[in-house]
PDB file of N, CA and C in Angstrom:
ATOM      1  N   MET A   1     -23.387  56.339   9.508  1.00  0.00           N
ATOM      2  CA  MET A   1     -24.246  55.279   9.976  1.00  0.00           C
ATOM      3  C   MET A   1     -25.229  54.926   8.866  1.00  0.00           C
ATOM      4  N   LYS A   2     -25.533  53.623   8.720  1.00  0.00           N
ATOM      5  CA  LYS A   2     -26.511  53.173   7.740  1.00  0.00           C
ATOM      6  C   LYS A   2     -27.211  51.935   8.271  1.00  0.00           C
ATOM      7  N   ILE A   3     -28.389  51.668   7.762  1.00  0.00           N
ATOM      8  CA  ILE A   3     -29.128  50.468   8.164  1.00  0.00           C
ATOM      9  C   ILE A   3     -28.570  49.291   7.390  1.00  0.00           C
ATOM     10  N   GLY A   4     -28.218  48.231   8.096  1.00  0.00           N
ATOM     11  CA  GLY A   4     -27.667  47.039   7.465  1.00  0.00           C
ATOM     12  C   GLY A   4     -28.664  45.902   7.345  1.00  0.00           C
ATOM     13  N   TYR A   5     -29.618  45.840   8.283  1.00  0.00           N
ATOM     14  CA  TYR A   5     -30.607  44.767   8.241  1.00  0.00           C
ATOM     15  C   TYR A   5     -31.847  45.167   9.025  1.00  0.00           C
ATOM     16  N   VAL A   6     -32.949  44.496   8.710  1.00  0.00           N
ATOM     17  CA  VAL A   6     -34.182  44.596   9.480  1.00  0.00           C
ATOM     18  C   VAL A   6     -34.651  43.181   9.769  1.00  0.00           C
ATOM     19  N   ASN A   7     -35.271  42.990  10.916  1.00  0.00           N
ATOM     20  CA  ASN A   7     -35.788  41.685  11.310  1.00  0.00           C
ATOM     21  C   ASN A   7     -37.264  41.776  11.629  1.00  0.00           C
ATOM     22  N   VAL A   8     -37.985  40.708  11.313  1.00  0.00           N
ATOM     23  CA  VAL A   8     -39.399  40.580  11.636  1.00  0.00           C
ATOM     24  C   VAL A   8     -39.561  39.285  12.420  1.00  0.00           C
ATOM     25  N   PHE A   9     -40.409  39.323  13.432  1.00  0.00           N
ATOM     26  CA  PHE A   9     -40.633  38.148  14.264  1.00  0.00           C
ATOM     27  C   PHE A   9     -41.771  37.300  13.711  1.00  0.00           C
ATOM     28  N   VAL A  10     -41.578  35.979  13.739  1.00  0.00           N
ATOM     29  CA  VAL A  10     -42.539  35.025  13.187  1.00  0.00           C
ATOM     30  C   VAL A  10     -42.716  33.860  14.157  1.00  0.00           C
ATOM     31  N   SER A  11     -43.800  33.110  13.963  1.00  0.00           N
ATOM     32  CA  SER A  11     -44.064  31.975  14.852  1.00  0.00           C
ATOM     33  C   SER A  11     -43.473  30.669  14.344  1.00  0.00           C
ATOM     34  N   ASN A  12     -43.306  30.535  13.022  1.00  0.00           N
ATOM     35  CA  ASN A  12     -42.814  29.290  12.451  1.00  0.00           C
ATOM     36  C   ASN A  12     -41.783  29.596  11.371  1.00  0.00           C
ATOM     37  N   LEU A  13     -40.532  29.312  11.669  1.00  0.00           N
ATOM     38  CA  LEU A  13     -39.434  29.661  10.776  1.00  0.00           C
ATOM     39  C   LEU A  13     -39.575  28.997   9.411  1.00  0.00           C
ATOM     40  N   SER A  14     -39.810  27.709   9.368  1.00  0.00           N
ATOM     41  CA  SER A  14     -39.841  27.010   8.072  1.00  0.00           C
ATOM     42  C   SER A  14     -40.997  27.475   7.192  1.00  0.00           C
ATOM     43  N   THR A  15     -42.174  27.726   7.785  1.00  0.00           N
ATOM     44  CA  THR A  15     -43.310  28.221   7.014  1.00  0.00           C
ATOM     45  C   THR A  15     -43.001  29.581   6.402  1.00  0.00           C
ATOM     46  N   THR A  16     -42.397  30.463   7.185  1.00  0.00           N
ATOM     47  CA  THR A  16     -42.126  31.812   6.709  1.00  0.00           C
ATOM     48  C   THR A  16     -40.955  31.831   5.733  1.00  0.00           C
ATOM     49  N   VAL A  17     -39.949  30.979   5.939  1.00  0.00           N
ATOM     50  CA  VAL A  17     -38.861  30.861   4.963  1.00  0.00           C
ATOM     51  C   VAL A  17     -39.444  30.436   3.621  1.00  0.00           C
ATOM     52  N   SER A  18     -40.321  29.460   3.622  1.00  0.00           N
ATOM     53  CA  SER A  18     -40.953  28.996   2.395  1.00  0.00           C
ATOM     54  C   SER A  18     -41.738  30.120   1.724  1.00  0.00           C
ATOM     55  N   PHE A  19     -42.470  30.907   2.505  1.00  0.00           N
ATOM     56  CA  PHE A  19     -43.243  32.020   1.959  1.00  0.00           C
ATOM     57  C   PHE A  19     -42.336  33.017   1.237  1.00  0.00           C
ATOM     58  N   PHE A  20     -41.299  33.474   1.913  1.00  0.00           N
ATOM     59  CA  PHE A  20     -40.432  34.490   1.300  1.00  0.00           C
ATOM     60  C   PHE A  20     -39.590  33.928   0.160  1.00  0.00           C
ATOM     61  N   GLU A  21     -39.180  32.683   0.291  1.00  0.00           N
ATOM     62  CA  GLU A  21     -38.330  32.078  -0.740  1.00  0.00           C
ATOM     63  C   GLU A  21     -39.150  31.580  -1.929  1.00  0.00           C
ATOM     64  N   ASN A  22     -40.156  30.776  -1.678  1.00  0.00           N
ATOM     65  CA  ASN A  22     -40.900  30.127  -2.761  1.00  0.00           C
ATOM     66  C   ASN A  22     -42.046  30.966  -3.308  1.00  0.00           C
ATOM     67  N   THR A  23     -42.734  31.713  -2.445  1.00  0.00           N
ATOM     68  CA  THR A  23     -43.874  32.504  -2.905  1.00  0.00           C
ATOM     69  C   THR A  23     -43.437  33.866  -3.434  1.00  0.00           C
ATOM     70  N   LEU A  24     -42.544  34.558  -2.677  1.00  0.00           N
ATOM     71  CA  LEU A  24     -42.121  35.896  -3.093  1.00  0.00           C
ATOM     72  C   LEU A  24     -40.842  35.902  -3.920  1.00  0.00           C
ATOM     73  N   GLY A  25     -40.070  34.818  -3.888  1.00  0.00           N
ATOM     74  CA  GLY A  25     -38.875  34.728  -4.720  1.00  0.00           C
ATOM     75  C   GLY A  25     -37.628  35.373  -4.156  1.00  0.00           C
ATOM     76  N   LEU A  26     -37.595  35.662  -2.842  1.00  0.00           N
ATOM     77  CA  LEU A  26     -36.372  36.191  -2.247  1.00  0.00           C
ATOM     78  C   LEU A  26     -35.354  35.068  -2.080  1.00  0.00           C
ATOM     79  N   MET A  27     -34.087  35.403  -2.224  1.00  0.00           N
ATOM     80  CA  MET A  27     -33.028  34.408  -2.055  1.00  0.00           C
ATOM     81  C   MET A  27     -32.641  34.321  -0.582  1.00  0.00           C
ATOM     82  N   CYS A  28     -32.738  33.121  -0.011  1.00  0.00           N
ATOM     83  CA  CYS A  28     -32.368  32.903   1.385  1.00  0.00           C
ATOM     84  C   CYS A  28     -30.847  32.784   1.468  1.00  0.00           C
ATOM     85  N   ASN A  29     -30.236  33.635   2.293  1.00  0.00           N
ATOM     86  CA  ASN A  29     -28.778  33.612   2.474  1.00  0.00           C
ATOM     87  C   ASN A  29     -28.347  32.575   3.482  1.00  0.00           C
ATOM     88  N   SER A  30     -29.102  32.484   4.576  1.00  0.00           N
ATOM     89  CA  SER A  30     -28.733  31.538   5.627  1.00  0.00           C
ATOM     90  C   SER A  30     -29.941  31.211   6.474  1.00  0.00           C
ATOM     91  N   ILE A  31     -29.940  29.988   6.970  1.00  0.00           N
ATOM     92  CA  ILE A  31     -30.965  29.546   7.916  1.00  0.00           C
ATOM     93  C   ILE A  31     -30.236  28.951   9.106  1.00  0.00           C
ATOM     94  N   GLU A  32     -30.549  29.447  10.285  1.00  0.00           N
ATOM     95  CA  GLU A  32     -29.991  28.918  11.523  1.00  0.00           C
ATOM     96  C   GLU A  32     -31.141  28.358  12.349  1.00  0.00           C
ATOM     97  N   VAL A  33     -31.513  27.113  12.054  1.00  0.00           N
ATOM     98  CA  VAL A  33     -32.681  26.494  12.685  1.00  0.00           C
ATOM     99  C   VAL A  33     -32.535  26.469  14.202  1.00  0.00           C
ATOM    100  N   ASP A  34     -31.340  26.155  14.703  1.00  0.00           N
ATOM    101  CA  ASP A  34     -31.128  26.088  16.154  1.00  0.00           C
ATOM    102  C   ASP A  34     -31.362  27.424  16.840  1.00  0.00           C
ATOM    103  N   HIS A  35     -31.164  28.504  16.114  1.00  0.00           N
ATOM    104  CA  HIS A  35     -31.352  29.840  16.678  1.00  0.00           C
ATOM    105  C   HIS A  35     -32.658  30.487  16.195  1.00  0.00           C
ATOM    106  N   GLY A  36     -33.402  29.781  15.323  1.00  0.00           N
ATOM    107  CA  GLY A  36     -34.670  30.304  14.833  1.00  0.00           C
ATOM    108  C   GLY A  36     -34.527  31.557  14.006  1.00  0.00           C
ATOM    109  N   TYR A  37     -33.554  31.570  13.088  1.00  0.00           N
ATOM    110  CA  TYR A  37     -33.278  32.780  12.311  1.00  0.00           C
ATOM    111  C   TYR A  37     -32.951  32.441  10.859  1.00  0.00           C
ATOM    112  N   ALA A  38     -33.402  33.289   9.964  1.00  0.00           N
ATOM    113  CA  ALA A  38     -33.050  33.170   8.547  1.00  0.00           C
ATOM    114  C   ALA A  38     -32.888  34.567   7.984  1.00  0.00           C
ATOM    115  N   SER A  39     -31.996  34.712   6.987  1.00  0.00           N
ATOM    116  CA  SER A  39     -31.832  36.012   6.336  1.00  0.00           C
ATOM    117  C   SER A  39     -31.949  35.843   4.827  1.00  0.00           C
ATOM    118  N   PHE A  40     -32.382  36.924   4.189  1.00  0.00           N
ATOM    119  CA  PHE A  40     -32.655  36.928   2.757  1.00  0.00           C
ATOM    120  C   PHE A  40     -31.976  38.119   2.092  1.00  0.00           C
ATOM    121  N   THR A  41     -31.649  37.947   0.818  1.00  0.00           N
ATOM    122  CA  THR A  41     -31.189  39.063   0.010  1.00  0.00           C
ATOM    123  C   THR A  41     -32.405  39.865  -0.406  1.00  0.00           C
ATOM    124  N   ALA A  42     -32.384  41.148  -0.088  1.00  0.00           N
ATOM    125  CA  ALA A  42     -33.524  42.007  -0.408  1.00  0.00           C
ATOM    126  C   ALA A  42     -33.013  43.403  -0.769  1.00  0.00           C
ATOM    127  N   GLY A  43     -32.099  43.459  -1.726  1.00  0.00           N
ATOM    128  CA  GLY A  43     -31.499  44.731  -2.089  1.00  0.00           C
ATOM    129  C   GLY A  43     -30.312  45.022  -1.188  1.00  0.00           C
ATOM    130  N   PRO A  44     -30.017  46.299  -0.941  1.00  0.00           N
ATOM    131  CA  PRO A  44     -28.831  46.639  -0.151  1.00  0.00           C
ATOM    132  C   PRO A  44     -28.982  46.371   1.337  1.00  0.00           C
ATOM    133  N   ILE A  45     -30.194  46.090   1.795  1.00  0.00           N
ATOM    134  CA  ILE A  45     -30.435  45.803   3.208  1.00  0.00           C
ATOM    135  C   ILE A  45     -30.790  44.334   3.350  1.00  0.00           C
ATOM    136  N   SER A  46     -30.203  43.670   4.324  1.00  0.00           N
ATOM    137  CA  SER A  46     -30.540  42.278   4.596  1.00  0.00           C
ATOM    138  C   SER A  46     -31.877  42.238   5.341  1.00  0.00           C
ATOM    139  N   PHE A  47     -32.714  41.284   4.963  1.00  0.00           N
ATOM    140  CA  PHE A  47     -34.017  41.093   5.587  1.00  0.00           C
ATOM    141  C   PHE A  47     -33.980  39.784   6.351  1.00  0.00           C
ATOM    142  N   GLY A  48     -34.286  39.822   7.644  1.00  0.00           N
ATOM    143  CA  GLY A  48     -34.246  38.618   8.452  1.00  0.00           C
ATOM    144  C   GLY A  48     -35.563  38.322   9.116  1.00  0.00           C
ATOM    145  N   ILE A  49     -35.769  37.040   9.411  1.00  0.00           N
ATOM    146  CA  ILE A  49     -36.924  36.627  10.204  1.00  0.00           C
ATOM    147  C   ILE A  49     -36.408  35.868  11.417  1.00  0.00           C
ATOM    148  N   ALA A  50     -37.022  36.127  12.549  1.00  0.00           N
ATOM    149  CA  ALA A  50     -36.613  35.492  13.799  1.00  0.00           C
ATOM    150  C   ALA A  50     -37.833  34.851  14.442  1.00  0.00           C
ATOM    151  N   GLN A  51     -37.713  33.558  14.716  1.00  0.00           N
ATOM    152  CA  GLN A  51     -38.816  32.835  15.334  1.00  0.00           C
ATOM    153  C   GLN A  51     -38.879  33.179  16.813  1.00  0.00           C
ATOM    154  N   THR A  52     -40.098  33.403  17.303  1.00  0.00           N
ATOM    155  CA  THR A  52     -40.292  33.701  18.719  1.00  0.00           C
ATOM    156  C   THR A  52     -41.600  33.083  19.197  1.00  0.00           C
ATOM    157  N   ASP A  53     -41.676  32.848  20.494  1.00  0.00           N
ATOM    158  CA  ASP A  53     -42.916  32.390  21.114  1.00  0.00           C
ATOM    159  C   ASP A  53     -43.701  33.558  21.701  1.00  0.00           C
ATOM    160  N   GLU A  54     -43.136  34.757  21.653  1.00  0.00           N
ATOM    161  CA  GLU A  54     -43.777  35.937  22.226  1.00  0.00           C
ATOM    162  C   GLU A  54     -44.787  36.506  21.234  1.00  0.00           C
ATOM    163  N   SER A  55     -46.043  36.185  21.434  1.00  0.00           N
ATOM    164  CA  SER A  55     -47.088  36.535  20.469  1.00  0.00           C
ATOM    165  C   SER A  55     -47.250  38.039  20.266  1.00  0.00           C
ATOM    166  N   ALA A  56     -46.862  38.854  21.229  1.00  0.00           N
ATOM    167  CA  ALA A  56     -46.994  40.308  21.086  1.00  0.00           C
ATOM    168  C   ALA A  56     -46.083  40.863  19.991  1.00  0.00           C
ATOM    169  N   LEU A  57     -45.081  40.095  19.587  1.00  0.00           N
ATOM    170  CA  LEU A  57     -44.139  40.555  18.551  1.00  0.00           C
ATOM    171  C   LEU A  57     -44.537  40.104  17.152  1.00  0.00           C
ATOM    172  N   ILE A  58     -45.579  39.278  17.051  1.00  0.00           N
ATOM    173  CA  ILE A  58     -45.981  38.672  15.779  1.00  0.00           C
ATOM    174  C   ILE A  58     -47.284  39.309  15.296  1.00  0.00           C
ATOM    175  N   GLY A  59     -47.427  39.402  13.971  1.00  0.00           N
ATOM    176  CA  GLY A  59     -48.666  39.912  13.399  1.00  0.00           C
ATOM    177  C   GLY A  59     -48.777  41.419  13.493  1.00  0.00           C
ATOM    178  N   ARG A  60     -47.678  42.105  13.233  1.00  0.00           N
ATOM    179  CA  ARG A  60     -47.619  43.556  13.393  1.00  0.00           C
ATOM    180  C   ARG A  60     -47.421  44.262  12.061  1.00  0.00           C
ATOM    181  N   HIS A  61     -47.699  45.529  12.038  1.00  0.00           N
ATOM    182  CA  HIS A  61     -47.384  46.377  10.886  1.00  0.00           C
ATOM    183  C   HIS A  61     -45.875  46.604  10.941  1.00  0.00           C
ATOM    184  N   THR A  62     -45.152  46.130   9.941  1.00  0.00           N
ATOM    185  CA  THR A  62     -43.686  46.191   9.976  1.00  0.00           C
ATOM    186  C   THR A  62     -43.125  47.525   9.508  1.00  0.00           C
ATOM    187  N   GLY A  63     -43.852  48.220   8.641  1.00  0.00           N
ATOM    188  CA  GLY A  63     -43.314  49.433   8.046  1.00  0.00           C
ATOM    189  C   GLY A  63     -42.302  49.157   6.958  1.00  0.00           C
ATOM    190  N   ILE A  64     -42.146  47.888   6.577  1.00  0.00           N
ATOM    191  CA  ILE A  64     -41.161  47.497   5.563  1.00  0.00           C
ATOM    192  C   ILE A  64     -41.807  47.520   4.185  1.00  0.00           C
ATOM    193  N   GLY A  65     -41.152  48.180   3.253  1.00  0.00           N
ATOM    194  CA  GLY A  65     -41.645  48.270   1.884  1.00  0.00           C
ATOM    195  C   GLY A  65     -40.786  47.471   0.928  1.00  0.00           C
ATOM    196  N   PHE A  66     -41.422  46.623   0.141  1.00  0.00           N
ATOM    197  CA  PHE A  66     -40.731  45.885  -0.915  1.00  0.00           C
ATOM    198  C   PHE A  66     -40.933  46.649  -2.216  1.00  0.00           C
ATOM    199  N   MET A  67     -39.842  47.109  -2.798  1.00  0.00           N
ATOM    200  CA  MET A  67     -39.888  47.911  -4.013  1.00  0.00           C
ATOM    201  C   MET A  67     -39.977  46.997  -5.235  1.00  0.00           C
ATOM    202  N   VAL A  68     -40.866  47.342  -6.152  1.00  0.00           N
ATOM    203  CA  VAL A  68     -41.076  46.567  -7.372  1.00  0.00           C
ATOM    204  C   VAL A  68     -41.148  47.512  -8.565  1.00  0.00           C
ATOM    205  N   ASP A  69     -40.859  46.992  -9.743  1.00  0.00           N
ATOM    206  CA  ASP A  69     -40.911  47.811 -10.952  1.00  0.00           C
ATOM    207  C   ASP A  69     -42.345  48.063 -11.415  1.00  0.00           C
ATOM    208  N   ASP A  70     -43.188  47.050 -11.329  1.00  0.00           N
ATOM    209  CA  ASP A  70     -44.563  47.158 -11.815  1.00  0.00           C
ATOM    210  C   ASP A  70     -45.495  46.634 -10.724  1.00  0.00           C
ATOM    211  N   ILE A  71     -46.107  47.536  -9.977  1.00  0.00           N
ATOM    212  CA  ILE A  71     -46.919  47.141  -8.831  1.00  0.00           C
ATOM    213  C   ILE A  71     -48.144  46.334  -9.245  1.00  0.00           C
ATOM    214  N   ASP A  72     -48.782  46.685 -10.355  1.00  0.00           N
ATOM    215  CA  ASP A  72     -49.981  45.964 -10.774  1.00  0.00           C
ATOM    216  C   ASP A  72     -49.648  44.530 -11.185  1.00  0.00           C
ATOM    217  N   GLN A  73     -48.577  44.362 -11.933  1.00  0.00           N
ATOM    218  CA  GLN A  73     -48.162  43.018 -12.358  1.00  0.00           C
ATOM    219  C   GLN A  73     -47.725  42.186 -11.155  1.00  0.00           C
ATOM    220  N   THR A  74     -46.936  42.782 -10.259  1.00  0.00           N
ATOM    221  CA  THR A  74     -46.473  42.062  -9.074  1.00  0.00           C
ATOM    222  C   THR A  74     -47.642  41.701  -8.174  1.00  0.00           C
ATOM    223  N   TYR A  75     -48.564  42.618  -7.999  1.00  0.00           N
ATOM    224  CA  TYR A  75     -49.768  42.360  -7.203  1.00  0.00           C
ATOM    225  C   TYR A  75     -50.540  41.164  -7.770  1.00  0.00           C
ATOM    226  N   SER A  76     -50.739  41.149  -9.084  1.00  0.00           N
ATOM    227  CA  SER A  76     -51.467  40.046  -9.729  1.00  0.00           C
ATOM    228  C   SER A  76     -50.747  38.720  -9.541  1.00  0.00           C
ATOM    229  N   MET A  77     -49.425  38.716  -9.716  1.00  0.00           N
ATOM    230  CA  MET A  77     -48.645  37.479  -9.556  1.00  0.00           C
ATOM    231  C   MET A  77     -48.682  36.997  -8.104  1.00  0.00           C
ATOM    232  N   MET A  78     -48.554  37.913  -7.160  1.00  0.00           N
ATOM    233  CA  MET A  78     -48.567  37.531  -5.753  1.00  0.00           C
ATOM    234  C   MET A  78     -49.933  37.006  -5.338  1.00  0.00           C
ATOM    235  N   ARG A  79     -50.998  37.649  -5.800  1.00  0.00           N
ATOM    236  CA  ARG A  79     -52.363  37.161  -5.489  1.00  0.00           C
ATOM    237  C   ARG A  79     -52.574  35.769  -6.062  1.00  0.00           C
ATOM    238  N   ALA A  80     -52.096  35.546  -7.296  1.00  0.00           N
ATOM    239  CA  ALA A  80     -52.230  34.226  -7.917  1.00  0.00           C
ATOM    240  C   ALA A  80     -51.461  33.171  -7.128  1.00  0.00           C
ATOM    241  N   ALA A  81     -50.382  33.584  -6.446  1.00  0.00           N
ATOM    242  CA  ALA A  81     -49.583  32.664  -5.633  1.00  0.00           C
ATOM    243  C   ALA A  81     -50.174  32.479  -4.233  1.00  0.00           C
ATOM    244  N   GLY A  82     -51.292  33.152  -3.946  1.00  0.00           N
ATOM    245  CA  GLY A  82     -51.970  32.969  -2.673  1.00  0.00           C
ATOM    246  C   GLY A  82     -51.610  33.973  -1.593  1.00  0.00           C
ATOM    247  N   VAL A  83     -50.889  35.036  -1.932  1.00  0.00           N
ATOM    248  CA  VAL A  83     -50.535  36.051  -0.943  1.00  0.00           C
ATOM    249  C   VAL A  83     -51.786  36.837  -0.561  1.00  0.00           C
ATOM    250  N   GLU A  84     -51.984  37.053   0.728  1.00  0.00           N
ATOM    251  CA  GLU A  84     -53.130  37.805   1.236  1.00  0.00           C
ATOM    252  C   GLU A  84     -52.807  39.295   1.232  1.00  0.00           C
ATOM    253  N   PHE A  85     -53.609  40.060   0.533  1.00  0.00           N
ATOM    254  CA  PHE A  85     -53.466  41.515   0.506  1.00  0.00           C
ATOM    255  C   PHE A  85     -54.573  42.136   1.346  1.00  0.00           C
ATOM    256  N   THR A  86     -54.217  43.145   2.121  1.00  0.00           N
ATOM    257  CA  THR A  86     -55.219  43.894   2.878  1.00  0.00           C
ATOM    258  C   THR A  86     -55.589  45.180   2.148  1.00  0.00           C
ATOM    259  N   MET A  87     -54.787  45.542   1.141  1.00  0.00           N
ATOM    260  CA  MET A  87     -55.105  46.692   0.302  1.00  0.00           C
ATOM    261  C   MET A  87     -54.518  46.463  -1.088  1.00  0.00           C
ATOM    262  N   ALA A  88     -55.366  46.518  -2.100  1.00  0.00           N
ATOM    263  CA  ALA A  88     -54.915  46.423  -3.491  1.00  0.00           C
ATOM    264  C   ALA A  88     -54.108  47.686  -3.822  1.00  0.00           C
ATOM    265  N   PRO A  89     -53.379  47.695  -4.948  1.00  0.00           N
ATOM    266  CA  PRO A  89     -52.676  48.922  -5.319  1.00  0.00           C
ATOM    267  C   PRO A  89     -53.637  50.106  -5.333  1.00  0.00           C
ATOM    268  N   THR A  90     -53.300  51.104  -4.531  1.00  0.00           N
ATOM    269  CA  THR A  90     -54.173  52.256  -4.325  1.00  0.00           C
ATOM    270  C   THR A  90     -53.362  53.538  -4.394  1.00  0.00           C
ATOM    271  N   LYS A  91     -53.862  54.482  -5.162  1.00  0.00           N
ATOM    272  CA  LYS A  91     -53.235  55.803  -5.273  1.00  0.00           C
ATOM    273  C   LYS A  91     -53.270  56.474  -3.909  1.00  0.00           C
ATOM    274  N   GLN A  92     -52.126  57.017  -3.485  1.00  0.00           N
ATOM    275  CA  GLN A  92     -52.009  57.665  -2.188  1.00  0.00           C
ATOM    276  C   GLN A  92     -52.111  59.189  -2.332  1.00  0.00           C
ATOM    277  N   PRO A  93     -52.473  59.889  -1.270  1.00  0.00           N
ATOM    278  CA  PRO A  93     -52.618  61.345  -1.330  1.00  0.00           C
ATOM    279  C   PRO A  93     -51.351  62.067  -1.792  1.00  0.00           C
ATOM    280  N   TRP A  94     -50.179  61.466  -1.541  1.00  0.00           N
ATOM    281  CA  TRP A  94     -48.920  62.101  -1.929  1.00  0.00           C
ATOM    282  C   TRP A  94     -48.553  61.808  -3.383  1.00  0.00           C
ATOM    283  N   GLY A  95     -49.393  61.042  -4.100  1.00  0.00           N
ATOM    284  CA  GLY A  95     -49.197  60.825  -5.527  1.00  0.00           C
ATOM    285  C   GLY A  95     -48.719  59.450  -5.927  1.00  0.00           C
ATOM    286  N   GLY A  96     -48.135  58.698  -5.021  1.00  0.00           N
ATOM    287  CA  GLY A  96     -47.659  57.352  -5.336  1.00  0.00           C
ATOM    288  C   GLY A  96     -48.750  56.315  -5.175  1.00  0.00           C
ATOM    289  N   THR A  97     -48.384  55.064  -5.377  1.00  0.00           N
ATOM    290  CA  THR A  97     -49.305  53.946  -5.244  1.00  0.00           C
ATOM    291  C   THR A  97     -48.691  52.925  -4.301  1.00  0.00           C
ATOM    292  N   LEU A  98     -49.503  52.366  -3.417  1.00  0.00           N
ATOM    293  CA  LEU A  98     -49.064  51.320  -2.492  1.00  0.00           C
ATOM    294  C   LEU A  98     -50.086  50.196  -2.467  1.00  0.00           C
ATOM    295  N   ALA A  99     -49.602  48.987  -2.140  1.00  0.00           N
ATOM    296  CA  ALA A  99     -50.460  47.861  -1.787  1.00  0.00           C
ATOM    297  C   ALA A  99     -49.941  47.330  -0.458  1.00  0.00           C
ATOM    298  N   LEU A 100     -50.785  46.645   0.301  1.00  0.00           N
ATOM    299  CA  LEU A 100     -50.390  46.076   1.586  1.00  0.00           C
ATOM    300  C   LEU A 100     -50.659  44.585   1.580  1.00  0.00           C
ATOM    301  N   PHE A 101     -49.656  43.796   2.034  1.00  0.00           N
ATOM    302  CA  PHE A 101     -49.832  42.347   2.088  1.00  0.00           C
ATOM    303  C   PHE A 101     -49.308  41.791   3.401  1.00  0.00           C
ATOM    304  N   ASN A 102     -49.780  40.570   3.720  1.00  0.00           N
ATOM    305  CA  ASN A 102     -49.405  39.878   4.949  1.00  0.00           C
ATOM    306  C   ASN A 102     -48.527  38.672   4.659  1.00  0.00           C
ATOM    307  N   ASP A 103     -47.644  38.368   5.621  1.00  0.00           N
ATOM    308  CA  ASP A 103     -46.936  37.088   5.591  1.00  0.00           C
ATOM    309  C   ASP A 103     -47.821  36.063   6.307  1.00  0.00           C
ATOM    310  N   PRO A 104     -47.398  34.799   6.423  1.00  0.00           N
ATOM    311  CA  PRO A 104     -48.257  33.792   7.063  1.00  0.00           C
ATOM    312  C   PRO A 104     -48.649  34.102   8.507  1.00  0.00           C
ATOM    313  N   ASP A 105     -47.871  34.934   9.210  1.00  0.00           N
ATOM    314  CA  ASP A 105     -48.197  35.299  10.589  1.00  0.00           C
ATOM    315  C   ASP A 105     -49.029  36.567  10.699  1.00  0.00           C
ATOM    316  N   GLY A 106     -49.370  37.176   9.576  1.00  0.00           N
ATOM    317  CA  GLY A 106     -50.139  38.406   9.609  1.00  0.00           C
ATOM    318  C   GLY A 106     -49.295  39.658   9.758  1.00  0.00           C
ATOM    319  N   ASN A 107     -47.960  39.537   9.667  1.00  0.00           N
ATOM    320  CA  ASN A 107     -47.114  40.726   9.634  1.00  0.00           C
ATOM    321  C   ASN A 107     -47.409  41.464   8.334  1.00  0.00           C
ATOM    322  N   LEU A 108     -47.570  42.778   8.422  1.00  0.00           N
ATOM    323  CA  LEU A 108     -47.998  43.590   7.291  1.00  0.00           C
ATOM    324  C   LEU A 108     -46.811  44.302   6.635  1.00  0.00           C
ATOM    325  N   TYR A 109     -46.777  44.265   5.276  1.00  0.00           N
ATOM    326  CA  TYR A 109     -45.703  44.869   4.487  1.00  0.00           C
ATOM    327  C   TYR A 109     -46.306  45.724   3.373  1.00  0.00           C
ATOM    328  N   TYR A 110     -45.506  46.675   2.892  1.00  0.00           N
ATOM    329  CA  TYR A 110     -45.881  47.490   1.736  1.00  0.00           C
ATOM    330  C   TYR A 110     -45.335  46.865   0.459  1.00  0.00           C
ATOM    331  N   LEU A 111     -46.061  47.025  -0.610  1.00  0.00           N
ATOM    332  CA  LEU A 111     -45.582  46.771  -1.958  1.00  0.00           C
ATOM    333  C   LEU A 111     -45.580  48.144  -2.620  1.00  0.00           C
ATOM    334  N   ASP A 112     -44.439  48.566  -3.143  1.00  0.00           N
ATOM    335  CA  ASP A 112     -44.229  49.959  -3.530  1.00  0.00           C
ATOM    336  C   ASP A 112     -43.462  50.017  -4.855  1.00  0.00           C
ATOM    337  N   PRO A 113     -43.970  50.780  -5.832  1.00  0.00           N
ATOM    338  CA  PRO A 113     -43.259  50.900  -7.111  1.00  0.00           C
ATOM    339  C   PRO A 113     -42.184  51.983  -7.093  1.00  0.00           C
ATOM    340  N   GLY A 114     -41.577  52.213  -5.946  1.00  0.00           N
ATOM    341  CA  GLY A 114     -40.482  53.166  -5.883  1.00  0.00           C
ATOM    342  C   GLY A 114     -40.918  54.607  -5.753  1.00  0.00           C
ATOM    343  N   HIS A 115     -42.081  54.824  -5.189  1.00  0.00           N
ATOM    344  CA  HIS A 115     -42.614  56.177  -4.964  1.00  0.00           C
ATOM    345  C   HIS A 115     -42.714  56.974  -6.264  1.00  0.00           C
ATOM    346  N   GLN A 116     -42.948  56.267  -7.358  1.00  0.00           N
ATOM    347  CA  GLN A 116     -43.159  56.956  -8.624  1.00  0.00           C
ATOM    348  C   GLN A 116     -44.599  57.425  -8.657  1.00  0.00           C
ATOM    349  N   THR A 117     -44.820  58.618  -9.169  1.00  0.00           N
ATOM    350  CA  THR A 117     -46.203  59.053  -9.330  1.00  0.00           C
ATOM    351  C   THR A 117     -46.759  58.356 -10.556  1.00  0.00           C
ATOM    352  N   GLN A 118     -47.999  57.935 -10.454  1.00  0.00           N
ATOM    353  CA  GLN A 118     -48.612  57.180 -11.548  1.00  0.00           C
ATOM    354  C   GLN A 118     -49.907  57.822 -11.966  1.00  0.00           C
TER     355      GLN A 118
END
């Protein structure tokens, strides 16, 4: 058994597609406007967004980490592009560094340099 995809719920499909595609640079694989769904290439796991009217599913801590080679450089580029961070790159007690950022709906994600100690 392996994980093939993860989905996050959003309020506006086109706004969030634009965020992940144009701001973060993920490649959109498919958009199904009639079904309120889009998927992106994000490494070996597919990343999807699903539009919903159920507000309890939106604006949550996702637990999803986006792996990057250089967290400080990526953080600077994302901030310059207008991405909202709730935590700048910060050394963690286990030795790695993480940053936390939001999508347009306030869903929270990790920015992670691959759990390398720095």
